[in-house]
Amino acid sequence: MSDRAMAYSLLALGDAYVTGSGYLTQEDRRRSLVSVPITDLGQIEIGYICNPSRVLSELALEYIEWLKIITV
């Protein structure tokens, strides 16, 4: 998901994680978001949400292909 605001809205509503740098703004901290390294979780699911009216960048397409390769 490329829209940070939408990603954080989904986090606030559900049981999910967003991967990234871990950087949180003051507004993020006011919304009670925390940054926690993912360790020892066993199996996790990684997915993506995109707007069908937008064209994905070459980097995004490469990332999706990489995920398909490493997915068990």
N, C-alpha and C. Protein backbone atom coordinates (compact mmCIF):
# COMPACT_ATOMS: atom_id res chain seq x y z
N MET A 1 0.85 -1.15 0.00
CA MET A 1 0.00 0.00 0.00
C MET A 1 0.90 1.23 0.00
N SER A 2 0.68 2.11 -0.92
CA SER A 2 1.55 3.27 -1.05
C SER A 2 1.02 4.49 -0.31
N ASP A 3 -0.19 4.46 0.13
CA ASP A 3 -0.79 5.59 0.82
C ASP A 3 -0.67 5.38 2.33
N ARG A 4 0.23 6.11 2.94
CA ARG A 4 0.51 5.95 4.37
C ARG A 4 -0.73 6.18 5.23
N ALA A 5 -1.52 7.18 4.90
CA ALA A 5 -2.72 7.48 5.68
C ALA A 5 -3.70 6.31 5.64
N MET A 6 -3.89 5.73 4.47
CA MET A 6 -4.80 4.59 4.34
C MET A 6 -4.26 3.38 5.10
N ALA A 7 -2.97 3.15 5.01
CA ALA A 7 -2.36 2.03 5.73
C ALA A 7 -2.59 2.17 7.22
N TYR A 8 -2.38 3.36 7.76
CA TYR A 8 -2.55 3.57 9.18
C TYR A 8 -4.01 3.50 9.59
N SER A 9 -4.91 3.89 8.71
CA SER A 9 -6.33 3.75 9.01
C SER A 9 -6.71 2.27 9.12
N LEU A 10 -6.17 1.45 8.23
CA LEU A 10 -6.42 0.01 8.30
C LEU A 10 -5.84 -0.58 9.58
N LEU A 11 -4.67 -0.11 9.97
CA LEU A 11 -4.07 -0.58 11.22
C LEU A 11 -4.96 -0.27 12.41
N ALA A 12 -5.51 0.92 12.43
CA ALA A 12 -6.34 1.34 13.55
C ALA A 12 -7.61 0.51 13.66
N LEU A 13 -8.08 -0.01 12.54
CA LEU A 13 -9.34 -0.75 12.51
C LEU A 13 -9.20 -2.26 12.64
N GLY A 14 -8.00 -2.78 12.43
CA GLY A 14 -7.88 -4.22 12.40
C GLY A 14 -6.64 -4.75 13.09
N ASP A 15 -6.40 -6.03 12.89
CA ASP A 15 -5.25 -6.72 13.45
C ASP A 15 -4.26 -6.94 12.32
N ALA A 16 -3.45 -5.93 12.04
CA ALA A 16 -2.56 -6.00 10.88
C ALA A 16 -1.25 -5.30 11.17
N TYR A 17 -0.34 -5.46 10.26
CA TYR A 17 0.97 -4.82 10.35
C TYR A 17 1.25 -4.11 9.04
N VAL A 18 2.03 -3.07 9.10
CA VAL A 18 2.54 -2.41 7.91
C VAL A 18 4.05 -2.46 8.01
N THR A 19 4.70 -2.88 6.94
CA THR A 19 6.15 -2.91 6.96
C THR A 19 6.69 -1.57 6.49
N GLY A 20 7.85 -1.23 6.95
CA GLY A 20 8.44 0.04 6.55
C GLY A 20 9.66 0.35 7.38
N SER A 21 10.04 1.59 7.37
CA SER A 21 11.26 2.02 8.06
C SER A 21 11.11 2.05 9.57
N GLY A 22 9.89 2.11 10.06
CA GLY A 22 9.67 2.23 11.49
C GLY A 22 9.56 3.66 11.96
N TYR A 23 9.75 4.61 11.05
CA TYR A 23 9.66 6.03 11.40
C TYR A 23 8.20 6.41 11.67
N LEU A 24 7.98 7.06 12.79
CA LEU A 24 6.65 7.54 13.13
C LEU A 24 6.70 9.04 13.38
N THR A 25 5.76 9.76 12.80
CA THR A 25 5.67 11.20 13.02
C THR A 25 4.99 11.48 14.36
N GLN A 26 4.98 12.74 14.77
CA GLN A 26 4.26 13.11 16.00
C GLN A 26 2.78 12.75 15.89
N GLU A 27 2.20 12.97 14.72
CA GLU A 27 0.78 12.63 14.51
C GLU A 27 0.57 11.13 14.67
N ASP A 28 1.48 10.33 14.15
CA ASP A 28 1.37 8.87 14.30
C ASP A 28 1.37 8.48 15.77
N ARG A 29 2.26 9.08 16.53
CA ARG A 29 2.35 8.77 17.96
C ARG A 29 1.09 9.23 18.70
N ARG A 30 0.51 10.34 18.28
CA ARG A 30 -0.74 10.81 18.90
C ARG A 30 -1.87 9.82 18.63
N ARG A 31 -1.80 9.13 17.52
CA ARG A 31 -2.81 8.12 17.17
C ARG A 31 -2.53 6.78 17.84
N SER A 32 -1.55 6.76 18.73
CA SER A 32 -1.18 5.56 19.50
C SER A 32 -0.59 4.45 18.64
N LEU A 33 0.02 4.82 17.53
CA LEU A 33 0.72 3.83 16.72
C LEU A 33 2.10 3.62 17.30
N VAL A 34 2.57 2.40 17.25
CA VAL A 34 3.91 2.08 17.73
C VAL A 34 4.66 1.34 16.64
N SER A 35 5.97 1.41 16.69
CA SER A 35 6.82 0.71 15.74
C SER A 35 7.54 -0.41 16.49
N VAL A 36 7.28 -1.66 16.09
CA VAL A 36 7.85 -2.81 16.76
C VAL A 36 8.48 -3.72 15.72
N PRO A 37 9.74 -4.10 15.91
CA PRO A 37 10.36 -5.03 14.95
C PRO A 37 9.63 -6.37 14.95
N ILE A 38 9.47 -6.96 13.78
CA ILE A 38 8.83 -8.26 13.67
C ILE A 38 9.90 -9.33 13.90
N THR A 39 9.76 -10.07 15.00
CA THR A 39 10.70 -11.15 15.31
C THR A 39 9.95 -12.34 15.86
N ASP A 40 10.43 -13.51 15.57
CA ASP A 40 9.91 -14.76 16.14
C ASP A 40 8.40 -14.92 16.00
N LEU A 41 7.86 -14.55 14.86
CA LEU A 41 6.42 -14.71 14.65
C LEU A 41 6.08 -16.02 13.96
N GLY A 42 7.08 -16.77 13.56
CA GLY A 42 6.79 -17.98 12.80
C GLY A 42 6.38 -17.59 11.40
N GLN A 43 5.28 -18.12 10.93
CA GLN A 43 4.81 -17.82 9.58
C GLN A 43 3.98 -16.55 9.59
N ILE A 44 4.25 -15.66 8.63
CA ILE A 44 3.46 -14.45 8.48
C ILE A 44 2.98 -14.34 7.04
N GLU A 45 1.94 -13.58 6.83
CA GLU A 45 1.43 -13.32 5.48
C GLU A 45 1.81 -11.91 5.08
N ILE A 46 2.32 -11.77 3.87
CA ILE A 46 2.63 -10.46 3.33
C ILE A 46 1.78 -10.26 2.09
N GLY A 47 1.10 -9.16 2.03
CA GLY A 47 0.26 -8.87 0.88
C GLY A 47 0.33 -7.42 0.51
N TYR A 48 -0.47 -7.04 -0.44
CA TYR A 48 -0.49 -5.65 -0.85
C TYR A 48 -1.90 -5.26 -1.27
N ILE A 49 -2.19 -4.00 -1.12
CA ILE A 49 -3.46 -3.43 -1.54
C ILE A 49 -3.12 -2.30 -2.49
N CYS A 50 -3.77 -2.28 -3.63
CA CYS A 50 -3.49 -1.19 -4.56
C CYS A 50 -4.78 -0.69 -5.20
N ASN A 51 -4.72 0.52 -5.68
CA ASN A 51 -5.83 1.14 -6.37
C ASN A 51 -5.82 0.65 -7.82
N PRO A 52 -6.89 -0.02 -8.26
CA PRO A 52 -6.89 -0.56 -9.63
C PRO A 52 -6.82 0.50 -10.73
N SER A 53 -7.09 1.75 -10.38
CA SER A 53 -7.02 2.80 -11.40
C SER A 53 -5.62 3.40 -11.52
N ARG A 54 -4.70 2.95 -10.68
CA ARG A 54 -3.32 3.44 -10.73
C ARG A 54 -2.40 2.35 -11.29
N VAL A 55 -1.42 2.77 -12.03
CA VAL A 55 -0.43 1.84 -12.58
C VAL A 55 0.68 1.69 -11.54
N LEU A 56 1.03 0.42 -11.24
CA LEU A 56 2.11 0.18 -10.29
C LEU A 56 3.46 0.52 -10.91
N SER A 57 4.36 1.02 -10.09
CA SER A 57 5.70 1.35 -10.57
C SER A 57 6.48 0.07 -10.88
N GLU A 58 7.58 0.22 -11.62
CA GLU A 58 8.42 -0.94 -11.90
C GLU A 58 8.94 -1.55 -10.61
N LEU A 59 9.28 -0.72 -9.64
CA LEU A 59 9.78 -1.21 -8.36
C LEU A 59 8.71 -2.02 -7.63
N ALA A 60 7.47 -1.54 -7.65
CA ALA A 60 6.36 -2.27 -7.01
C ALA A 60 6.15 -3.61 -7.69
N LEU A 61 6.18 -3.64 -9.01
CA LEU A 61 6.02 -4.90 -9.75
C LEU A 61 7.15 -5.87 -9.44
N GLU A 62 8.36 -5.34 -9.34
CA GLU A 62 9.52 -6.18 -9.01
C GLU A 62 9.36 -6.77 -7.60
N TYR A 63 8.90 -5.96 -6.66
CA TYR A 63 8.67 -6.41 -5.29
C TYR A 63 7.64 -7.54 -5.26
N ILE A 64 6.55 -7.38 -6.00
CA ILE A 64 5.50 -8.41 -6.04
C ILE A 64 6.06 -9.70 -6.63
N GLU A 65 6.85 -9.61 -7.68
CA GLU A 65 7.46 -10.81 -8.27
C GLU A 65 8.40 -11.48 -7.28
N TRP A 66 9.16 -10.68 -6.53
CA TRP A 66 10.06 -11.21 -5.53
C TRP A 66 9.28 -11.94 -4.45
N LEU A 67 8.16 -11.37 -4.02
CA LEU A 67 7.33 -12.04 -3.02
C LEU A 67 6.81 -13.38 -3.53
N LYS A 68 6.44 -13.44 -4.80
CA LYS A 68 5.95 -14.70 -5.38
C LYS A 68 7.04 -15.76 -5.36
N ILE A 69 8.28 -15.35 -5.59
CA ILE A 69 9.41 -16.30 -5.62
C ILE A 69 9.69 -16.87 -4.23
N ILE A 70 9.67 -16.02 -3.21
CA ILE A 70 10.03 -16.49 -1.87
C ILE A 70 8.88 -17.07 -1.08
N THR A 71 7.66 -16.94 -1.60
CA THR A 71 6.50 -17.46 -0.89
C THR A 71 6.46 -18.97 -0.97
N VAL A 72 6.20 -19.57 0.18
CA VAL A 72 6.14 -21.05 0.26
C VAL A 72 4.79 -21.53 -0.18
